[in-house]
């Protein structure tokens, strides 16, 4: 990752894919290969500069992780490349690792929980410079593959040119904000459809909930202001070399208000000709009551 104020890589992008053991690097690599991305697994860190400098006409990805701990520990920059980091909650990693027959790359740390903690220390530098962090804790293999491909080989703008890649997502604060979000916006100031008995089992994808939200003048003003600011920010970010931005809109449970508003913001950006990925992380969670 380039230092502050430097230009980001231009032309065919190179991505360093890293992350915790059990977070899904093998799944990500397989998805990239299927998508036509040139991908290399288990490259020693000292060879990174040579790999990044190779001439290429399409996106490339290289997996660098704790299997080469000494070369990765303390890594603070990867000049000429972007970094994507796969992570998951410790309890999820432990469950996945307990089902694997592969040795852990830092098994010498002792117990499995100790190995996970040691690996976090080894990879701390790479995670801190990551352009994209994906929490795979609750993702299926298909969802993980799709997220990684969207990040590394995003869709082009309608005119076919490369464009700033924007993700807009909805979520519920009770489940925590998405770790990969660049902006987190709170929509809980709006009246909550959850407290209307006929709307509670529905979601922001249903017309009745959308109508309830749009009846509030503040909702329309919220979208107007947010879309305007986000468009302006995306233009400035692209000028400075950034290639992507993730906006996350949250409400209490992530099923009603945030779904309506995130969908509306995504539609506004698409009207501006921007390629937008829209996700609703918590819309399918069951009604807790």
Protein backbone atom coordinates (compact mmCIF):
# COMPACT_ATOMS: atom_id res chain seq x y z
CA UNK A 1 0.00 0.00 0.00
CA UNK A 2 1.33 3.41 -0.86
CA UNK A 3 2.22 5.96 1.73
CA UNK A 4 -0.15 8.89 2.44
CA UNK A 5 -0.08 11.41 -0.38
CA UNK A 6 1.35 8.97 -2.93
CA UNK A 7 -0.53 7.84 -6.00
CA UNK A 8 -2.13 4.42 -5.91
CA UNK A 9 -1.12 1.81 -8.50
CA UNK A 10 -2.35 2.52 -12.01
CA UNK A 11 -3.04 0.17 -14.92
CA UNK A 12 -3.74 -3.51 -14.24
CA UNK A 13 -3.96 -3.71 -10.45
CA UNK A 14 -1.92 -6.05 -8.27
CA UNK A 15 -3.46 -7.24 -5.01
CA UNK A 16 -1.82 -8.87 -2.04
CA UNK A 17 -4.35 -11.22 -0.44
CA UNK A 18 -3.64 -12.10 3.16
CA UNK A 19 -5.51 -13.03 6.28
CA UNK A 20 -5.96 -15.39 9.15
CA UNK A 21 -5.79 -19.15 8.80
CA UNK A 22 -9.38 -20.33 8.57
CA UNK A 23 -10.65 -17.02 7.19
CA UNK A 24 -11.08 -18.36 3.65
CA UNK A 25 -7.97 -17.58 1.62
CA UNK A 26 -8.23 -20.83 -0.37
CA UNK A 27 -11.86 -20.08 -1.20
CA UNK A 28 -10.93 -16.54 -2.24
CA UNK A 29 -8.08 -17.74 -4.43
CA UNK A 30 -10.30 -20.27 -6.21
CA UNK A 31 -12.93 -17.58 -6.90
CA UNK A 32 -10.29 -15.25 -8.34
CA UNK A 33 -8.97 -17.95 -10.66
CA UNK A 34 -12.52 -18.65 -11.90
CA UNK A 35 -12.95 -14.91 -12.54
CA UNK A 36 -9.85 -14.81 -14.74
CA UNK A 37 -7.55 -13.05 -12.29
CA UNK A 38 -3.92 -14.16 -12.42
CA UNK A 39 -3.40 -15.62 -8.95
CA UNK A 40 -0.39 -17.03 -7.10
CA UNK A 41 -0.47 -18.76 -3.72
CA UNK A 42 2.09 -18.75 -0.92
CA UNK A 43 4.62 -16.27 -2.29
CA UNK A 44 7.51 -15.50 0.09
CA UNK A 45 7.39 -11.85 1.13
CA UNK A 46 10.90 -11.06 -0.19
CA UNK A 47 9.65 -11.83 -3.72
CA UNK A 48 6.75 -9.36 -3.54
CA UNK A 49 8.57 -6.46 -5.19
CA UNK A 50 9.58 -8.60 -8.16
CA UNK A 51 6.04 -9.96 -8.55
CA UNK A 52 4.47 -6.48 -8.41
CA UNK A 53 6.93 -5.17 -11.03
CA UNK A 54 6.04 -7.81 -13.64
CA UNK A 55 4.33 -6.42 -16.78
CA UNK A 56 0.66 -7.42 -16.98
CA UNK A 57 -2.53 -6.51 -18.80
CA UNK A 58 -5.06 -7.82 -16.30
CA UNK A 59 -5.58 -7.90 -12.56
CA UNK A 60 -3.30 -10.14 -10.51
CA UNK A 61 -3.44 -11.40 -6.95
CA UNK A 62 -0.84 -13.04 -4.72
CA UNK A 63 -1.42 -14.73 -1.37
CA UNK A 64 1.11 -13.81 1.31
CA UNK A 65 0.47 -15.00 4.84
CA UNK A 66 1.89 -16.41 8.05
CA UNK A 67 3.42 -19.41 6.30
CA UNK A 68 6.37 -17.06 5.79
CA UNK A 69 6.13 -15.40 9.18
CA UNK A 70 9.54 -13.73 9.33
CA UNK A 71 9.11 -12.02 5.97
CA UNK A 72 5.58 -10.83 6.79
CA UNK A 73 6.01 -9.72 10.41
CA UNK A 74 6.19 -5.96 10.59
CA UNK A 75 5.44 -5.44 6.89
CA UNK A 76 4.23 -1.84 6.68
CA UNK A 77 4.14 -1.15 2.95
CA UNK A 78 3.66 -3.02 -0.31
CA UNK A 79 4.64 -0.41 -2.92
CA UNK A 80 2.70 -0.70 -6.16
CA UNK A 81 0.00 -3.02 -4.79
CA UNK A 82 -3.28 -2.98 -2.94
CA UNK A 83 -3.90 -5.21 0.08
CA UNK A 84 -7.00 -7.29 0.87
CA UNK A 85 -7.19 -8.93 4.29
CA UNK A 86 -9.55 -11.75 5.27
CA UNK A 87 -10.49 -11.98 8.92
CA UNK A 88 -13.08 -13.63 11.16
CA UNK A 89 -14.04 -13.72 14.81
CA UNK A 90 -11.73 -15.84 16.94
CA UNK A 91 -14.44 -18.33 17.87
CA UNK A 92 -15.21 -18.84 14.18
CA UNK A 93 -11.54 -19.32 13.32
CA UNK A 94 -11.12 -21.82 16.13
CA UNK A 95 -14.12 -23.83 14.98
CA UNK A 96 -12.93 -23.91 11.37
CA UNK A 97 -9.36 -24.75 12.31
CA UNK A 98 -10.48 -27.58 14.59
CA UNK A 99 -12.13 -29.19 11.56
CA UNK A 100 -9.00 -28.86 9.38
CA UNK A 101 -6.22 -31.43 9.02
CA UNK A 102 -3.69 -28.83 7.82
CA UNK A 103 -1.04 -27.75 10.32
CA UNK A 104 -1.35 -24.19 11.60
CA UNK A 105 1.47 -21.95 10.27
CA UNK A 106 2.43 -20.87 13.80
CA UNK A 107 1.55 -24.09 15.60
CA UNK A 108 4.74 -23.76 17.64
CA UNK A 109 2.89 -21.15 19.72
CA UNK A 110 1.22 -24.04 21.55
CA UNK A 111 -2.55 -24.45 21.81
CA UNK A 112 -4.87 -23.50 18.97
CA UNK A 113 -6.05 -20.29 20.71
CA UNK A 114 -2.39 -19.36 21.28
CA UNK A 115 -1.63 -20.01 17.61
CA UNK A 116 -4.48 -17.73 16.52
CA UNK A 117 -3.23 -14.97 18.82
CA UNK A 118 0.33 -15.40 17.54
CA UNK A 119 -0.83 -15.26 13.94
CA UNK A 120 -2.68 -12.00 14.61
CA UNK A 121 0.60 -10.55 15.84
CA UNK A 122 2.50 -11.77 12.77
CA UNK A 123 -0.08 -10.34 10.36
CA UNK A 124 -0.81 -7.14 12.28
CA UNK A 125 1.19 -4.97 9.90
CA UNK A 126 -0.55 -6.27 6.79
CA UNK A 127 -3.98 -5.86 8.35
CA UNK A 128 -3.21 -2.28 9.36
CA UNK A 129 -2.40 -1.25 5.77
CA UNK A 130 -5.21 -3.19 4.09
CA UNK A 131 -7.28 -1.31 1.53
CA UNK A 132 -10.10 -3.82 2.04
CA UNK A 133 -10.86 -5.96 5.10
CA UNK A 134 -13.53 -8.65 4.74
CA UNK A 135 -15.02 -10.30 7.81
CA UNK A 136 -15.86 -13.83 6.65
CA UNK A 137 -17.44 -14.99 9.92
CA UNK A 138 -20.98 -15.14 8.56
CA UNK A 139 -20.30 -15.52 4.83
CA UNK A 140 -20.94 -18.60 2.74
CA UNK A 141 -18.19 -19.72 0.39
CA UNK A 142 -20.15 -18.26 -2.54
CA UNK A 143 -20.61 -14.92 -0.77
CA UNK A 144 -16.93 -14.77 0.13
CA UNK A 145 -15.85 -15.49 -3.43
CA UNK A 146 -18.20 -12.83 -4.76
CA UNK A 147 -16.95 -10.21 -2.28
CA UNK A 148 -13.31 -10.85 -3.12
CA UNK A 149 -13.88 -10.72 -6.88
CA UNK A 150 -15.89 -7.50 -6.51
CA UNK A 151 -12.99 -5.94 -4.61
CA UNK A 152 -10.15 -7.08 -6.86
CA UNK A 153 -11.86 -7.02 -10.27
CA UNK A 154 -14.79 -4.58 -9.86
CA UNK A 155 -17.35 -3.89 -12.59
CA UNK A 156 -16.53 -1.12 -15.04
CA UNK A 157 -18.53 2.08 -15.37
CA UNK A 158 -21.38 2.06 -17.93
CA UNK A 159 -19.06 3.63 -20.55
CA UNK A 160 -16.60 0.76 -20.08
CA UNK A 161 -13.93 2.76 -18.28
CA UNK A 162 -12.49 1.84 -14.92
CA UNK A 163 -14.30 3.75 -12.20
CA UNK A 164 -14.30 4.30 -8.48
CA UNK A 165 -15.78 1.14 -6.97
CA UNK A 166 -18.45 1.92 -4.39
CA UNK A 167 -20.21 -0.46 -2.02
CA UNK A 168 -23.33 0.63 -0.14
CA UNK A 169 -24.59 -1.69 2.57
CA UNK A 170 -27.21 -1.80 5.29
CA UNK A 171 -26.67 -3.34 8.72
CA UNK A 172 -28.01 -3.54 12.26
CA UNK A 173 -26.11 -1.83 15.06
CA UNK A 174 -27.13 -4.61 17.46
CA UNK A 175 -24.89 -6.94 15.41
CA UNK A 176 -22.03 -4.45 15.05
CA UNK A 177 -20.95 -2.30 12.09
CA UNK A 178 -19.24 -4.03 9.12
CA UNK A 179 -15.49 -4.07 9.75
CA UNK A 180 -14.81 -3.32 6.08
CA UNK A 181 -16.85 -0.08 6.02
CA UNK A 182 -15.06 3.22 5.36
CA UNK A 183 -18.08 5.31 6.40
CA UNK A 184 -20.71 4.31 8.94
CA UNK A 185 -23.93 6.36 8.98
CA UNK A 186 -26.64 6.10 11.65
CA UNK A 187 -30.30 6.14 10.54
CA UNK A 188 -31.82 5.43 13.96
CA UNK A 189 -33.18 8.99 14.26
CA UNK A 190 -36.06 8.00 11.97
CA UNK A 191 -39.24 6.40 13.30
CA UNK A 192 -38.84 2.64 13.39
CA UNK A 193 -41.25 0.42 11.40
CA UNK A 194 -40.43 -2.36 13.86
CA UNK A 195 -42.90 -0.86 16.32
CA UNK A 196 -45.77 -1.11 13.85
CA UNK A 197 -47.22 -4.62 14.27
CA UNK A 198 -48.17 -4.97 10.60
CA UNK A 199 -44.71 -3.87 9.43
CA UNK A 200 -42.55 -5.75 11.92
CA UNK A 201 -42.37 -9.05 9.98
CA UNK A 202 -41.62 -7.18 6.73
CA UNK A 203 -38.32 -5.64 5.59
CA UNK A 204 -37.16 -2.53 3.80
CA UNK A 205 -37.52 -4.46 0.54
CA UNK A 206 -41.31 -4.43 0.95
CA UNK A 207 -43.34 -1.48 -0.42
CA UNK A 208 -45.25 -0.94 2.84
CA UNK A 209 -42.03 -0.40 4.79
CA UNK A 210 -40.60 1.85 2.09
CA UNK A 211 -43.76 3.96 2.18
CA UNK A 212 -43.55 4.25 5.97
CA UNK A 213 -39.95 5.46 5.79
CA UNK A 214 -40.55 7.88 2.91
CA UNK A 215 -43.50 9.47 4.72
CA UNK A 216 -40.88 11.02 7.01
CA UNK A 217 -39.46 14.20 5.37
CA UNK A 218 -36.17 13.67 7.20
CA UNK A 219 -35.65 10.41 5.30
CA UNK A 220 -35.68 12.14 1.91
CA UNK A 221 -33.44 14.92 3.16
CA UNK A 222 -31.07 12.32 4.61
CA UNK A 223 -30.71 10.60 1.23
CA UNK A 224 -30.33 13.91 -0.64
CA UNK A 225 -27.59 15.15 1.66
CA UNK A 226 -25.79 11.81 1.91
CA UNK A 227 -25.83 11.12 -1.83
CA UNK A 228 -24.54 14.62 -2.57
CA UNK A 229 -21.72 14.37 -0.05
CA UNK A 230 -20.81 10.85 -1.13
CA UNK A 231 -20.66 11.81 -4.83
CA UNK A 232 -18.39 14.73 -4.00
CA UNK A 233 -16.19 12.53 -1.79
CA UNK A 234 -15.89 9.81 -4.42
CA UNK A 235 -14.68 12.38 -6.95
CA UNK A 236 -12.06 13.73 -4.55
CA UNK A 237 -11.00 10.23 -3.52
CA UNK A 238 -10.52 9.19 -7.14
CA UNK A 239 -8.39 12.29 -7.75
CA UNK A 240 -6.14 11.28 -4.86
CA UNK A 241 -5.72 7.73 -6.15
CA UNK A 242 -8.29 5.87 -4.07
CA UNK A 243 -10.11 3.18 -6.00
CA UNK A 244 -12.97 2.19 -3.69
CA UNK A 245 -15.21 3.29 -0.84
CA UNK A 246 -17.70 1.40 1.32
CA UNK A 247 -20.62 3.25 2.92
CA UNK A 248 -22.59 1.37 5.58
CA UNK A 249 -26.01 2.67 6.68
CA UNK A 250 -27.19 1.28 10.00
CA UNK A 251 -30.41 1.09 11.99
CA UNK A 252 -31.21 -0.97 15.07
CA UNK A 253 -31.77 -4.38 13.51
CA UNK A 254 -30.71 -3.82 9.90
CA UNK A 255 -34.04 -4.98 8.47
CA UNK A 256 -36.11 -1.84 7.87
CA UNK A 257 -34.86 1.77 7.77
CA UNK A 258 -31.27 1.10 6.75
CA UNK A 259 -32.39 -1.19 3.92
CA UNK A 260 -34.65 1.50 2.45
CA UNK A 261 -32.04 4.24 2.75
CA UNK A 262 -29.06 2.22 1.51
CA UNK A 263 -31.07 1.16 -1.55
CA UNK A 264 -32.00 4.77 -2.29
CA UNK A 265 -28.39 6.00 -1.96
CA UNK A 266 -27.19 3.22 -4.26
CA UNK A 267 -29.80 4.20 -6.85
CA UNK A 268 -28.64 7.83 -6.72
CA UNK A 269 -25.02 6.85 -7.32
CA UNK A 270 -25.99 4.61 -10.24
CA UNK A 271 -27.80 7.59 -11.76
CA UNK A 272 -24.43 9.34 -11.66
CA UNK A 273 -22.97 6.52 -13.76
CA UNK A 274 -21.03 4.88 -10.92
CA UNK A 275 -20.79 1.09 -10.55
CA UNK A 276 -22.30 0.30 -7.16
CA UNK A 277 -22.53 -2.94 -5.20
CA UNK A 278 -25.53 -2.97 -2.83
CA UNK A 279 -25.63 -5.36 0.13
CA UNK A 280 -28.11 -5.88 2.97
CA UNK A 281 -26.16 -7.75 5.62
CA UNK A 282 -28.86 -8.33 8.22
CA UNK A 283 -32.11 -8.14 6.26
CA UNK A 284 -32.69 -11.90 6.47
CA UNK A 285 -32.05 -12.26 10.18
CA UNK A 286 -35.15 -13.61 11.95
CA UNK A 287 -37.36 -11.27 13.94
CA UNK A 288 -35.99 -11.60 17.50
CA UNK A 289 -39.49 -11.35 18.90
